[in-house]
C-alpha atoms as a PDB file:
ATOM      1  CA  MET A   1      16.886  39.956  -0.793  1.00  0.00           C
ATOM      2  CA  GLY A   2      14.290  38.569  -3.168  1.00  0.00           C
ATOM      3  CA  ILE A   3      11.881  35.832  -2.199  1.00  0.00           C
ATOM      4  CA  PRO A   4      12.773  32.647  -4.058  1.00  0.00           C
ATOM      5  CA  PRO A   5      10.086  31.475  -6.426  1.00  0.00           C
ATOM      6  CA  VAL A   6       7.879  28.620  -5.280  1.00  0.00           C
ATOM      7  CA  CYS A   7       7.844  25.690  -7.615  1.00  0.00           C
ATOM      8  CA  PRO A   8       4.257  24.572  -8.316  1.00  0.00           C
ATOM      9  CA  GLY A   9       5.436  21.015  -8.662  1.00  0.00           C
ATOM     10  CA  MET A  10       7.015  21.182  -5.210  1.00  0.00           C
ATOM     11  CA  MET A  11       3.756  22.460  -3.676  1.00  0.00           C
ATOM     12  CA  GLN A  12       1.781  19.743  -5.385  1.00  0.00           C
ATOM     13  CA  SER A  13       4.252  17.095  -4.214  1.00  0.00           C
ATOM     14  CA  THR A  14       4.090  18.383  -0.615  1.00  0.00           C
ATOM     15  CA  ARG A  15       0.310  18.428  -0.591  1.00  0.00           C
ATOM     16  CA  SER A  16       0.169  14.912  -2.005  1.00  0.00           C
ATOM     17  CA  LEU A  17       2.523  13.311   0.530  1.00  0.00           C
ATOM     18  CA  PRO A  18      -0.340  11.871   2.654  1.00  0.00           C
ATOM     19  CA  ALA A  19      -2.001  10.619  -0.519  1.00  0.00           C
ATOM     20  CA  GLN A  20       1.240   9.041  -1.729  1.00  0.00           C
ATOM     21  CA  LEU A  21       1.745   7.291   1.604  1.00  0.00           C
ATOM     22  CA  THR A  22      -1.807   5.952   1.764  1.00  0.00           C
ATOM     23  CA  ASN A  23      -1.683   4.923  -1.895  1.00  0.00           C
ATOM     24  CA  LYS A  24       1.467   2.862  -1.351  1.00  0.00           C
ATOM     25  CA  HIS A  25       0.744   1.536   2.149  1.00  0.00           C
ATOM     26  CA  PRO A  26      -2.999   1.785   2.868  1.00  0.00           C
ATOM     27  CA  ILE A  27      -3.037  -1.048   5.408  1.00  0.00           C
ATOM     28  CA  VAL A  28      -0.033   0.295   7.333  1.00  0.00           C
ATOM     29  CA  VAL A  29      -1.597   3.759   7.582  1.00  0.00           C
ATOM     30  CA  PHE A  30      -4.995   2.258   8.405  1.00  0.00           C
ATOM     31  CA  SER A  31      -3.529   0.100  11.189  1.00  0.00           C
ATOM     32  CA  VAL A  32      -1.616   2.987  12.756  1.00  0.00           C
ATOM     33  CA  LEU A  33      -4.651   5.274  12.679  1.00  0.00           C
ATOM     34  CA  ALA A  34      -6.953   2.593  14.101  1.00  0.00           C
ATOM     35  CA  ILE A  35      -4.556   1.933  16.977  1.00  0.00           C
ATOM     36  CA  VAL A  36      -3.946   5.624  17.697  1.00  0.00           C
ATOM     37  CA  PHE A  37      -7.646   6.453  17.733  1.00  0.00           C
ATOM     38  CA  SER A  38      -8.789   3.477  19.807  1.00  0.00           C
ATOM     39  CA  TRP A  39      -5.887   3.469  22.258  1.00  0.00           C
ATOM     40  CA  GLY A  40      -6.307   7.204  22.764  1.00  0.00           C
ATOM     41  CA  VAL A  41      -9.993   6.847  23.617  1.00  0.00           C
ATOM     42  CA  TRP A  42      -9.400   3.865  25.902  1.00  0.00           C
ATOM     43  CA  SER A  43      -6.448   5.428  27.710  1.00  0.00           C
ATOM     44  CA  ALA A  44      -8.399   8.634  28.318  1.00  0.00           C
ATOM     45  CA  THR A  45     -11.420   6.662  29.541  1.00  0.00           C
ATOM     46  CA  PHE A  46      -9.529   4.326  31.872  1.00  0.00           C
ATOM     47  CA  SER A  47      -7.598   7.232  33.368  1.00  0.00           C
ATOM     48  CA  VAL A  48     -10.825   8.528  34.926  1.00  0.00           C
ATOM     49  CA  THR A  49     -12.905   5.390  35.495  1.00  0.00           C
ATOM     50  CA  VAL A  50     -12.721   1.608  35.709  1.00  0.00           C
ATOM     51  CA  PRO A  51     -13.450  -0.456  32.581  1.00  0.00           C
ATOM     52  CA  ARG A  52     -16.495  -2.255  33.967  1.00  0.00           C
ATOM     53  CA  SER A  53     -18.348   0.918  34.915  1.00  0.00           C
ATOM     54  CA  GLY A  54     -21.016   2.453  32.707  1.00  0.00           C
ATOM     55  CA  LEU A  55     -18.645   5.183  31.591  1.00  0.00           C
ATOM     56  CA  GLY A  56     -15.917   2.608  31.049  1.00  0.00           C
ATOM     57  CA  MET A  57     -18.135   0.488  28.798  1.00  0.00           C
ATOM     58  CA  LEU A  58     -19.110   3.597  26.856  1.00  0.00           C
ATOM     59  CA  GLY A  59     -15.422   4.382  26.339  1.00  0.00           C
ATOM     60  CA  ILE A  60     -14.750   0.836  25.189  1.00  0.00           C
ATOM     61  CA  GLY A  61     -17.579   1.142  22.689  1.00  0.00           C
ATOM     62  CA  LEU A  62     -16.434   4.508  21.344  1.00  0.00           C
ATOM     63  CA  GLY A  63     -12.886   3.233  20.979  1.00  0.00           C
ATOM     64  CA  ALA A  64     -14.179   0.274  18.987  1.00  0.00           C
ATOM     65  CA  PHE A  65     -15.135   2.692  16.206  1.00  0.00           C
ATOM     66  CA  GLY A  66     -11.408   3.305  15.657  1.00  0.00           C
ATOM     67  CA  PRO A  67     -11.029   0.881  12.717  1.00  0.00           C
ATOM     68  CA  GLY A  68     -14.046   2.387  10.975  1.00  0.00           C
ATOM     69  CA  ALA A  69     -12.771   5.922  11.517  1.00  0.00           C
ATOM     70  CA  ALA A  70      -9.365   4.869  10.183  1.00  0.00           C
ATOM     71  CA  GLY A  71     -10.978   3.376   7.092  1.00  0.00           C
ATOM     72  CA  ALA A  72     -12.834   6.617   6.367  1.00  0.00           C
ATOM     73  CA  VAL A  73      -9.706   8.751   6.845  1.00  0.00           C
ATOM     74  CA  VAL A  74      -7.520   6.570   4.621  1.00  0.00           C
ATOM     75  CA  THR A  75     -10.212   6.474   1.956  1.00  0.00           C
ATOM     76  CA  ARG A  76     -10.370  10.277   1.997  1.00  0.00           C
ATOM     77  CA  LEU A  77      -6.587  10.675   1.929  1.00  0.00           C
ATOM     78  CA  ARG A  78      -6.420   8.403  -1.104  1.00  0.00           C
ATOM     79  CA  GLY A  79      -8.712  10.805  -2.944  1.00  0.00           C
ATOM     80  CA  GLU A  80     -11.553   8.305  -3.041  1.00  0.00           C
ATOM     81  CA  SER A  81     -15.200   8.794  -2.210  1.00  0.00           C
ATOM     82  CA  VAL A  82     -16.008   8.186   1.459  1.00  0.00           C
ATOM     83  CA  ARG A  83     -19.662   8.117   0.468  1.00  0.00           C
ATOM     84  CA  ALA A  84     -18.970   5.291  -1.991  1.00  0.00           C
ATOM     85  CA  TRP A  85     -17.062   3.415   0.717  1.00  0.00           C
ATOM     86  CA  PHE A  86     -19.963   3.848   3.151  1.00  0.00           C
ATOM     87  CA  ALA A  87     -22.287   2.540   0.447  1.00  0.00           C
ATOM     88  CA  THR A  88     -20.333  -0.736   0.279  1.00  0.00           C
ATOM     89  CA  VAL A  89     -20.179  -1.024   4.069  1.00  0.00           C
ATOM     90  CA  PHE A  90     -23.905  -0.515   4.586  1.00  0.00           C
ATOM     91  CA  ASP A  91     -25.048  -2.452   1.531  1.00  0.00           C
ATOM     92  CA  TRP A  92     -27.517  -4.823   3.215  1.00  0.00           C
ATOM     93  CA  ARG A  93     -28.943  -6.393   0.063  1.00  0.00           C
ATOM     94  CA  ARG A  94     -28.308 -10.087   0.593  1.00  0.00           C
ATOM     95  CA  PRO A  95     -30.681 -13.054   1.012  1.00  0.00           C
ATOM     96  CA  LEU A  96     -31.875 -13.364   4.609  1.00  0.00           C
ATOM     97  CA  ARG A  97     -30.112 -16.688   5.008  1.00  0.00           C
ATOM     98  CA  TRP A  98     -26.765 -14.870   5.149  1.00  0.00           C
ATOM     99  CA  TYR A  99     -27.895 -12.956   8.215  1.00  0.00           C
ATOM    100  CA  GLY A 100     -29.220 -16.175   9.708  1.00  0.00           C
ATOM    101  CA  LEU A 101     -25.871 -17.796   9.022  1.00  0.00           C
ATOM    102  CA  ALA A 102     -24.120 -14.909  10.782  1.00  0.00           C
ATOM    103  CA  ILE A 103     -25.933 -16.003  13.952  1.00  0.00           C
ATOM    104  CA  ALA A 104     -25.801 -19.750  13.326  1.00  0.00           C
ATOM    105  CA  ILE A 105     -22.025 -20.068  12.847  1.00  0.00           C
ATOM    106  CA  PRO A 106     -21.141 -18.617  16.275  1.00  0.00           C
ATOM    107  CA  MET A 107     -23.835 -20.823  17.790  1.00  0.00           C
ATOM    108  CA  VAL A 108     -22.184 -23.889  16.257  1.00  0.00           C
ATOM    109  CA  GLY A 109     -18.887 -22.811  17.778  1.00  0.00           C
ATOM    110  CA  ALA A 110     -20.527 -22.176  21.157  1.00  0.00           C
ATOM    111  CA  LEU A 111     -22.135 -25.609  20.988  1.00  0.00           C
ATOM    112  CA  GLY A 112     -18.698 -27.157  20.517  1.00  0.00           C
ATOM    113  CA  VAL A 113     -17.419 -25.189  23.514  1.00  0.00           C
ATOM    114  CA  ALA A 114     -20.437 -26.286  25.551  1.00  0.00           C
ATOM    115  CA  ILE A 115     -19.826 -29.966  24.735  1.00  0.00           C
ATOM    116  CA  VAL A 116     -16.274 -29.698  26.041  1.00  0.00           C
ATOM    117  CA  VAL A 117     -17.239 -27.687  29.130  1.00  0.00           C
ATOM    118  CA  PHE A 118     -20.206 -29.849  30.086  1.00  0.00           C
ATOM    119  CA  SER A 119     -18.174 -33.031  29.610  1.00  0.00           C
ATOM    120  CA  LEU A 120     -15.709 -31.653  32.166  1.00  0.00           C
ATOM    121  CA  VAL A 121     -18.120 -30.097  34.665  1.00  0.00           C
ATOM    122  CA  GLY A 122     -21.434 -31.807  34.053  1.00  0.00           C
ATOM    123  CA  LEU A 123     -24.708 -30.587  32.620  1.00  0.00           C
ATOM    124  CA  PRO A 124     -25.989 -27.307  34.059  1.00  0.00           C
ATOM    125  CA  ASP A 125     -29.395 -26.913  35.615  1.00  0.00           C
ATOM    126  CA  SER A 126     -32.030 -26.138  33.005  1.00  0.00           C
ATOM    127  CA  SER A 127     -33.262 -23.169  35.027  1.00  0.00           C
ATOM    128  CA  SER A 128     -29.839 -21.502  34.793  1.00  0.00           C
ATOM    129  CA  LEU A 129     -29.962 -21.740  31.015  1.00  0.00           C
ATOM    130  CA  GLY A 130     -33.369 -20.087  31.024  1.00  0.00           C
ATOM    131  CA  GLN A 131     -32.050 -17.238  33.138  1.00  0.00           C
ATOM    132  CA  LEU A 132     -29.210 -16.664  30.694  1.00  0.00           C
ATOM    133  CA  ALA A 133     -31.530 -16.118  27.705  1.00  0.00           C
ATOM    134  CA  PRO A 134     -32.460 -12.468  28.471  1.00  0.00           C
ATOM    135  CA  LEU A 135     -28.815 -11.703  29.261  1.00  0.00           C
ATOM    136  CA  PHE A 136     -27.737 -13.175  25.921  1.00  0.00           C
ATOM    137  CA  VAL A 137     -30.227 -10.994  24.016  1.00  0.00           C
ATOM    138  CA  PHE A 138     -28.951  -7.888  25.807  1.00  0.00           C
ATOM    139  CA  ASN A 139     -25.320  -8.834  25.202  1.00  0.00           C
ATOM    140  CA  LEU A 140     -26.048  -9.555  21.537  1.00  0.00           C
ATOM    141  CA  LEU A 141     -27.432  -6.051  21.009  1.00  0.00           C
ATOM    142  CA  LEU A 142     -24.599  -4.449  22.983  1.00  0.00           C
ATOM    143  CA  ALA A 143     -21.844  -6.461  21.296  1.00  0.00           C
ATOM    144  CA  THR A 144     -23.231  -5.967  17.788  1.00  0.00           C
ATOM    145  CA  LEU A 145     -23.780  -2.227  18.010  1.00  0.00           C
ATOM    146  CA  LEU A 146     -21.086  -1.020  20.406  1.00  0.00           C
ATOM    147  CA  THR A 147     -18.524  -3.515  21.700  1.00  0.00           C
ATOM    148  CA  GLY A 148     -17.466  -5.690  18.785  1.00  0.00           C
ATOM    149  CA  GLY A 149     -19.603  -5.573  15.702  1.00  0.00           C
ATOM    150  CA  ASN A 150     -18.857  -1.900  15.102  1.00  0.00           C
ATOM    151  CA  GLU A 151     -15.185  -2.803  14.627  1.00  0.00           C
ATOM    152  CA  GLU A 152     -16.139  -4.539  11.377  1.00  0.00           C
ATOM    153  CA  LEU A 153     -16.646  -1.219   9.590  1.00  0.00           C
ATOM    154  CA  GLY A 154     -12.853  -1.145   9.421  1.00  0.00           C
ATOM    155  CA  TRP A 155     -11.651  -4.752   9.691  1.00  0.00           C
ATOM    156  CA  ARG A 156     -13.824  -6.365   7.039  1.00  0.00           C
ATOM    157  CA  GLY A 157     -15.212  -3.132   5.568  1.00  0.00           C
ATOM    158  CA  PHE A 158     -11.816  -1.688   4.643  1.00  0.00           C
ATOM    159  CA  ALA A 159      -8.761  -3.740   5.589  1.00  0.00           C
ATOM    160  CA  LEU A 160      -9.711  -7.205   4.330  1.00  0.00           C
ATOM    161  CA  PRO A 161     -10.611  -6.234   0.733  1.00  0.00           C
ATOM    162  CA  HIS A 162      -7.360  -4.240   0.484  1.00  0.00           C
ATOM    163  CA  LEU A 163      -5.306  -7.159   1.814  1.00  0.00           C
ATOM    164  CA  GLN A 164      -7.002  -9.531  -0.633  1.00  0.00           C
ATOM    165  CA  GLN A 165      -5.695  -7.424  -3.495  1.00  0.00           C
ATOM    166  CA  ARG A 166      -2.189  -8.719  -2.691  1.00  0.00           C
ATOM    167  CA  PHE A 167      -2.577 -11.893  -0.653  1.00  0.00           C
ATOM    168  CA  SER A 168      -4.592 -15.082  -0.544  1.00  0.00           C
ATOM    169  CA  ALA A 169      -7.663 -15.088   1.651  1.00  0.00           C
ATOM    170  CA  LEU A 170      -5.902 -17.176   4.308  1.00  0.00           C
ATOM    171  CA  THR A 171      -2.797 -14.989   4.402  1.00  0.00           C
ATOM    172  CA  ALA A 172      -4.963 -11.865   4.529  1.00  0.00           C
ATOM    173  CA  SER A 173      -6.877 -13.403   7.448  1.00  0.00           C
ATOM    174  CA  VAL A 174      -3.713 -14.158   9.421  1.00  0.00           C
ATOM    175  CA  LEU A 175      -2.251 -10.691   8.792  1.00  0.00           C
ATOM    176  CA  LEU A 176      -5.498  -9.004   9.765  1.00  0.00           C
ATOM    177  CA  GLY A 177      -5.790 -11.260  12.798  1.00  0.00           C
ATOM    178  CA  GLY A 178      -2.347 -10.089  13.906  1.00  0.00           C
ATOM    179  CA  VAL A 179      -3.287  -6.410  13.629  1.00  0.00           C
ATOM    180  CA  TRP A 180      -6.594  -7.134  15.308  1.00  0.00           C
ATOM    181  CA  THR A 181      -4.782  -8.761  18.235  1.00  0.00           C
ATOM    182  CA  LEU A 182      -2.300  -5.888  18.643  1.00  0.00           C
ATOM    183  CA  TRP A 183      -5.181  -3.421  18.569  1.00  0.00           C
ATOM    184  CA  HIS A 184      -6.594  -5.171  21.676  1.00  0.00           C
ATOM    185  CA  ILE A 185      -3.431  -4.756  23.790  1.00  0.00           C
ATOM    186  CA  PRO A 186      -4.997  -2.100  26.094  1.00  0.00           C
ATOM    187  CA  MET A 187      -7.661  -4.640  27.069  1.00  0.00           C
ATOM    188  CA  PHE A 188      -4.884  -6.674  28.682  1.00  0.00           C
ATOM    189  CA  VAL A 189      -2.987  -3.692  30.073  1.00  0.00           C
ATOM    190  CA  TYR A 190      -6.101  -2.487  31.910  1.00  0.00           C
ATOM    191  CA  ASP A 191      -7.197  -6.017  32.953  1.00  0.00           C
ATOM    192  CA  VAL A 192     -10.366  -5.989  30.873  1.00  0.00           C
ATOM    193  CA  TYR A 193      -9.405  -9.409  29.504  1.00  0.00           C
ATOM    194  CA  PRO A 194      -8.317 -11.771  32.310  1.00  0.00           C
ATOM    195  CA  PHE A 195      -6.835 -14.502  30.109  1.00  0.00           C
ATOM    196  CA  SER A 196      -3.705 -15.392  28.178  1.00  0.00           C
ATOM    197  CA  PRO A 197      -2.844 -12.990  25.317  1.00  0.00           C
ATOM    198  CA  ILE A 198      -1.354 -15.929  23.392  1.00  0.00           C
ATOM    199  CA  LEU A 199      -4.560 -17.950  23.575  1.00  0.00           C
ATOM    200  CA  TYR A 200      -6.514 -14.825  22.717  1.00  0.00           C
ATOM    201  CA  ALA A 201      -4.340 -14.258  19.646  1.00  0.00           C
ATOM    202  CA  ALA A 202      -4.970 -17.827  18.499  1.00  0.00           C
ATOM    203  CA  ALA A 203      -8.711 -17.348  18.913  1.00  0.00           C
ATOM    204  CA  VAL A 204      -8.680 -14.011  17.075  1.00  0.00           C
ATOM    205  CA  VAL A 205      -6.821 -15.451  14.075  1.00  0.00           C
ATOM    206  CA  SER A 206      -9.384 -18.267  13.938  1.00  0.00           C
ATOM    207  CA  PHE A 207     -12.215 -15.739  14.120  1.00  0.00           C
ATOM    208  CA  ALA A 208     -10.530 -13.782  11.301  1.00  0.00           C
ATOM    209  CA  VAL A 209     -10.503 -16.885   9.072  1.00  0.00           C
ATOM    210  CA  ILE A 210     -14.174 -17.548   9.792  1.00  0.00           C
ATOM    211  CA  LEU A 211     -15.088 -13.924   9.086  1.00  0.00           C
ATOM    212  CA  THR A 212     -13.093 -13.952   5.840  1.00  0.00           C
ATOM    213  CA  TRP A 213     -14.989 -17.039   4.705  1.00  0.00           C
ATOM    214  CA  TYR A 214     -18.275 -15.347   5.530  1.00  0.00           C
ATOM    215  CA  TYR A 215     -17.279 -12.062   3.887  1.00  0.00           C
ATOM    216  CA  ASN A 216     -16.174 -13.664   0.626  1.00  0.00           C
ATOM    217  CA  ALA A 217     -18.994 -16.200   0.522  1.00  0.00           C
ATOM    218  CA  SER A 218     -21.633 -13.491   1.068  1.00  0.00           C
ATOM    219  CA  ASP A 219     -20.044 -11.289  -1.603  1.00  0.00           C
ATOM    220  CA  GLY A 220     -18.777  -8.712   0.861  1.00  0.00           C
ATOM    221  CA  CYS A 221     -21.673  -8.387   3.301  1.00  0.00           C
ATOM    222  CA  VAL A 222     -20.127  -6.147   5.985  1.00  0.00           C
ATOM    223  CA  LEU A 223     -23.369  -5.831   7.957  1.00  0.00           C
ATOM    224  CA  GLY A 224     -23.519  -9.609   8.159  1.00  0.00           C
ATOM    225  CA  ALA A 225     -19.943  -9.602   9.470  1.00  0.00           C
ATOM    226  CA  VAL A 226     -21.036  -7.024  12.060  1.00  0.00           C
ATOM    227  CA  LEU A 227     -23.774  -9.394  13.213  1.00  0.00           C
ATOM    228  CA  LEU A 228     -21.451 -12.424  13.188  1.00  0.00           C
ATOM    229  CA  HIS A 229     -18.832 -10.595  15.265  1.00  0.00           C
ATOM    230  CA  GLY A 230     -21.449  -9.392  17.728  1.00  0.00           C
ATOM    231  CA  THR A 231     -22.901 -12.878  18.063  1.00  0.00           C
ATOM    232  CA  ILE A 232     -19.466 -14.381  18.734  1.00  0.00           C
ATOM    233  CA  ASN A 233     -18.819 -11.839  21.487  1.00  0.00           C
ATOM    234  CA  ALA A 234     -22.234 -12.424  23.039  1.00  0.00           C
ATOM    235  CA  ILE A 235     -22.326 -16.222  22.942  1.00  0.00           C
ATOM    236  CA  VAL A 236     -18.803 -17.501  23.581  1.00  0.00           C
ATOM    237  CA  ASN A 237     -19.095 -17.054  27.357  1.00  0.00           C
ATOM    238  CA  VAL A 238     -22.571 -18.593  27.699  1.00  0.00           C
ATOM    239  CA  PRO A 239     -21.288 -22.155  28.383  1.00  0.00           C
ATOM    240  CA  ALA A 240     -19.061 -20.846  31.186  1.00  0.00           C
ATOM    241  CA  GLN A 241     -21.870 -18.729  32.610  1.00  0.00           C
ATOM    242  CA  ALA A 242     -24.128 -21.787  32.625  1.00  0.00           C
ATOM    243  CA  VAL A 243     -21.787 -23.653  34.989  1.00  0.00           C
ATOM    244  CA  GLY A 244     -21.088 -20.721  37.299  1.00  0.00           C
ATOM    245  CA  GLY A 245     -18.206 -19.010  35.511  1.00  0.00           C
ATOM    246  CA  ALA A 246     -14.933 -19.860  33.813  1.00  0.00           C
ATOM    247  CA  ALA A 247     -13.326 -20.559  37.196  1.00  0.00           C
ATOM    248  CA  ALA A 248     -15.584 -23.606  37.558  1.00  0.00           C
ATOM    249  CA  VAL A 249     -13.979 -25.224  34.486  1.00  0.00           C
ATOM    250  CA  PRO A 250     -10.891 -27.299  35.449  1.00  0.00           C
ATOM    251  CA  VAL A 251      -8.951 -26.287  32.327  1.00  0.00           C
ATOM    252  CA  SER A 252      -8.357 -22.915  30.709  1.00  0.00           C
ATOM    253  CA  TYR A 253     -11.617 -21.672  29.239  1.00  0.00           C
ATOM    254  CA  ALA A 254      -9.639 -19.511  26.769  1.00  0.00           C
ATOM    255  CA  ALA A 255      -7.849 -22.664  25.569  1.00  0.00           C
ATOM    256  CA  ILE A 256     -11.202 -24.355  24.941  1.00  0.00           C
ATOM    257  CA  LEU A 257     -12.426 -21.355  22.945  1.00  0.00           C
ATOM    258  CA  ALA A 258      -9.229 -21.156  20.928  1.00  0.00           C
ATOM    259  CA  GLY A 259      -9.219 -24.895  20.234  1.00  0.00           C
ATOM    260  CA  VAL A 260     -12.861 -25.189  19.163  1.00  0.00           C
ATOM    261  CA  PHE A 261     -12.802 -22.186  16.844  1.00  0.00           C
ATOM    262  CA  ALA A 262      -9.405 -23.235  15.449  1.00  0.00           C
ATOM    263  CA  VAL A 263     -10.973 -26.543  14.425  1.00  0.00           C
ATOM    264  CA  LEU A 264     -13.871 -24.708  12.784  1.00  0.00           C
ATOM    265  CA  ALA A 265     -11.469 -22.389  10.926  1.00  0.00           C
ATOM    266  CA  ALA A 266      -9.300 -25.325   9.828  1.00  0.00           C
ATOM    267  CA  LEU A 267     -12.318 -27.128   8.389  1.00  0.00           C
ATOM    268  CA  LEU A 268     -13.140 -24.057   6.292  1.00  0.00           C
ATOM    269  CA  VAL A 269      -9.556 -23.859   5.014  1.00  0.00           C
ATOM    270  CA  VAL A 270      -9.469 -27.555   4.106  1.00  0.00           C
ATOM    271  CA  TYR A 271     -12.867 -27.524   2.424  1.00  0.00           C
ATOM    272  CA  TYR A 272     -12.609 -24.255   0.466  1.00  0.00           C
ATOM    273  CA  GLY A 273      -8.854 -23.875   0.095  1.00  0.00           C
ATOM    274  CA  PRO A 274      -6.611 -21.034   1.296  1.00  0.00           C
ATOM    275  CA  LYS A 275      -6.765 -18.960  -1.890  1.00  0.00           C
ATOM    276  CA  THR A 276     -10.337 -17.698  -1.558  1.00  0.00           C
ATOM    277  CA  LEU A 277     -11.814 -19.505   1.501  1.00  0.00           C
ATOM    278  CA  SER A 278     -14.978 -19.695  -0.556  1.00  0.00           C
ATOM    279  CA  HIS A 279     -16.410 -21.085  -3.762  1.00  0.00           C
ATOM    280  CA  ARG A 280     -16.555 -17.455  -4.905  1.00  0.00           C
ATOM    281  CA  ASP A 281     -13.636 -15.183  -5.764  1.00  0.00           C
ATOM    282  CA  VAL A 282     -12.212 -12.949  -3.041  1.00  0.00           C
ATOM    283  CA  VAL A 283     -13.822  -9.543  -2.532  1.00  0.00           C
ATOM    284  CA  ARG A 284     -11.578  -6.584  -3.312  1.00  0.00           C
ATOM    285  CA  PRO A 285     -12.248  -2.842  -2.879  1.00  0.00           C
ATOM    286  CA  ARG A 286     -15.245  -1.765  -4.960  1.00  0.00           C
ATOM    287  CA  TRP A 287     -15.284   1.891  -3.970  1.00  0.00           C
ATOM    288  CA  THR A 288     -11.795   2.761  -5.252  1.00  0.00           C
ATOM    289  CA  ALA A 289     -11.349   5.460  -7.861  1.00  0.00           C
ATOM    290  CA  THR A 290      -9.757   4.983 -11.249  1.00  0.00           C
ATOM    291  CA  ARG A 291      -6.137   6.110 -10.849  1.00  0.00           C
ATOM    292  CA  SER A 292      -3.676   7.648 -13.214  1.00  0.00           C
ATOM    293  CA  ALA A 293      -0.083   6.538 -13.574  1.00  0.00           C
ATOM    294  CA  ASP A 294       1.112   8.813 -10.737  1.00  0.00           C
ATOM    295  CA  GLY A 295      -1.386   7.270  -8.310  1.00  0.00           C
ATOM    296  CA  SER A 296      -3.770  10.232  -8.212  1.00  0.00           C
ATOM    297  CA  ALA A 297      -7.508   9.637  -8.275  1.00  0.00           C
ATOM    298  CA  SER A 298      -9.084  10.649 -11.543  1.00  0.00           C
ATOM    299  CA  SER A 299     -12.662   9.628 -10.857  1.00  0.00           C
ATOM    300  CA  GLY A 300     -14.819   8.281  -8.093  1.00  0.00           C
ATOM    301  CA  ARG A 301     -16.583   5.450  -9.795  1.00  0.00           C
ATOM    302  CA  PHE A 302     -18.254   3.002  -7.484  1.00  0.00           C
ATOM    303  CA  ASN A 303     -19.408  -0.458  -8.400  1.00  0.00           C
ATOM    304  CA  SER A 304     -21.860  -1.898  -5.917  1.00  0.00           C
ATOM    305  CA  GLN A 305     -23.158  -4.618  -8.194  1.00  0.00           C
ATOM    306  CA  HIS A 306     -23.231  -8.088  -6.812  1.00  0.00           C
ATOM    307  CA  PRO A 307     -25.240 -11.194  -7.594  1.00  0.00           C
ATOM    308  CA  SER A 308     -28.713 -11.029  -6.114  1.00  0.00           C
ATOM    309  CA  ASP A 309     -28.289 -14.456  -4.568  1.00  0.00           C
ATOM    310  CA  PRO A 310     -24.693 -15.183  -3.546  1.00  0.00           C
ATOM    311  CA  SER A 311     -24.310 -18.795  -2.558  1.00  0.00           C
ATOM    312  CA  ASP A 312     -21.554 -21.017  -1.300  1.00  0.00           C
END
């Protein structure tokens, strides 16, 4: 019996199936890969240790690289240059004020939370605030580099510009906020987060709107988004810590966080409008290759040009 001939077109089609899928549905593939990677790391970690241990925190941090790893894999499967994508992610060339703003915005939100908390509980002792300063600096470094900010390599570095190719900035923020919330499900399953998932989801969507405004206004500064995310994670619990913990607050601390940051996000939407959430245009993928009619990558051109002084 003779061996049937292999059709070259069939081989090419089979080899290109991953590329076809990622070309048509990059965000779906990205989301699945991010969840699989992160959940796998977290499940393996929490099966041998508790989350709040040193090893547990290391596992949480490693799992937080899942979105970035997913972004790199999808970029590669699409036939695009991972190096060009990394170049956009780590492009730090922005005026210093954008990095200052990445710290200032979360501080404004934390100040709003503090006003609510202190009006309910009373002003904390000044010495307790002084004791929290070194802890905040440590948490800022930890949250920026390992337990929050590193997520931004994928969320704002990959997913948001792709979503903004099809949707308004506000819609892209809500969609990304939904994926971002689902990605955190193991934190509730393993009791890392001791608060309402619904309130957490509301807070995350608000954070997503704020980060979209920052990303578009800064002309796609991912490293600034990394710093903003890390600062949010480090500072949002400071008001509660100042009064002895969230249990000392007579109402849900998560509700206060969600409410304050929802107001801040709503102000940005009203002022800038839902289309771009900025006085600038939305930022779309700049690392993508030029594609032929069949969706294959024909070149790996990368445009990293941006105004030397983005302003908003």
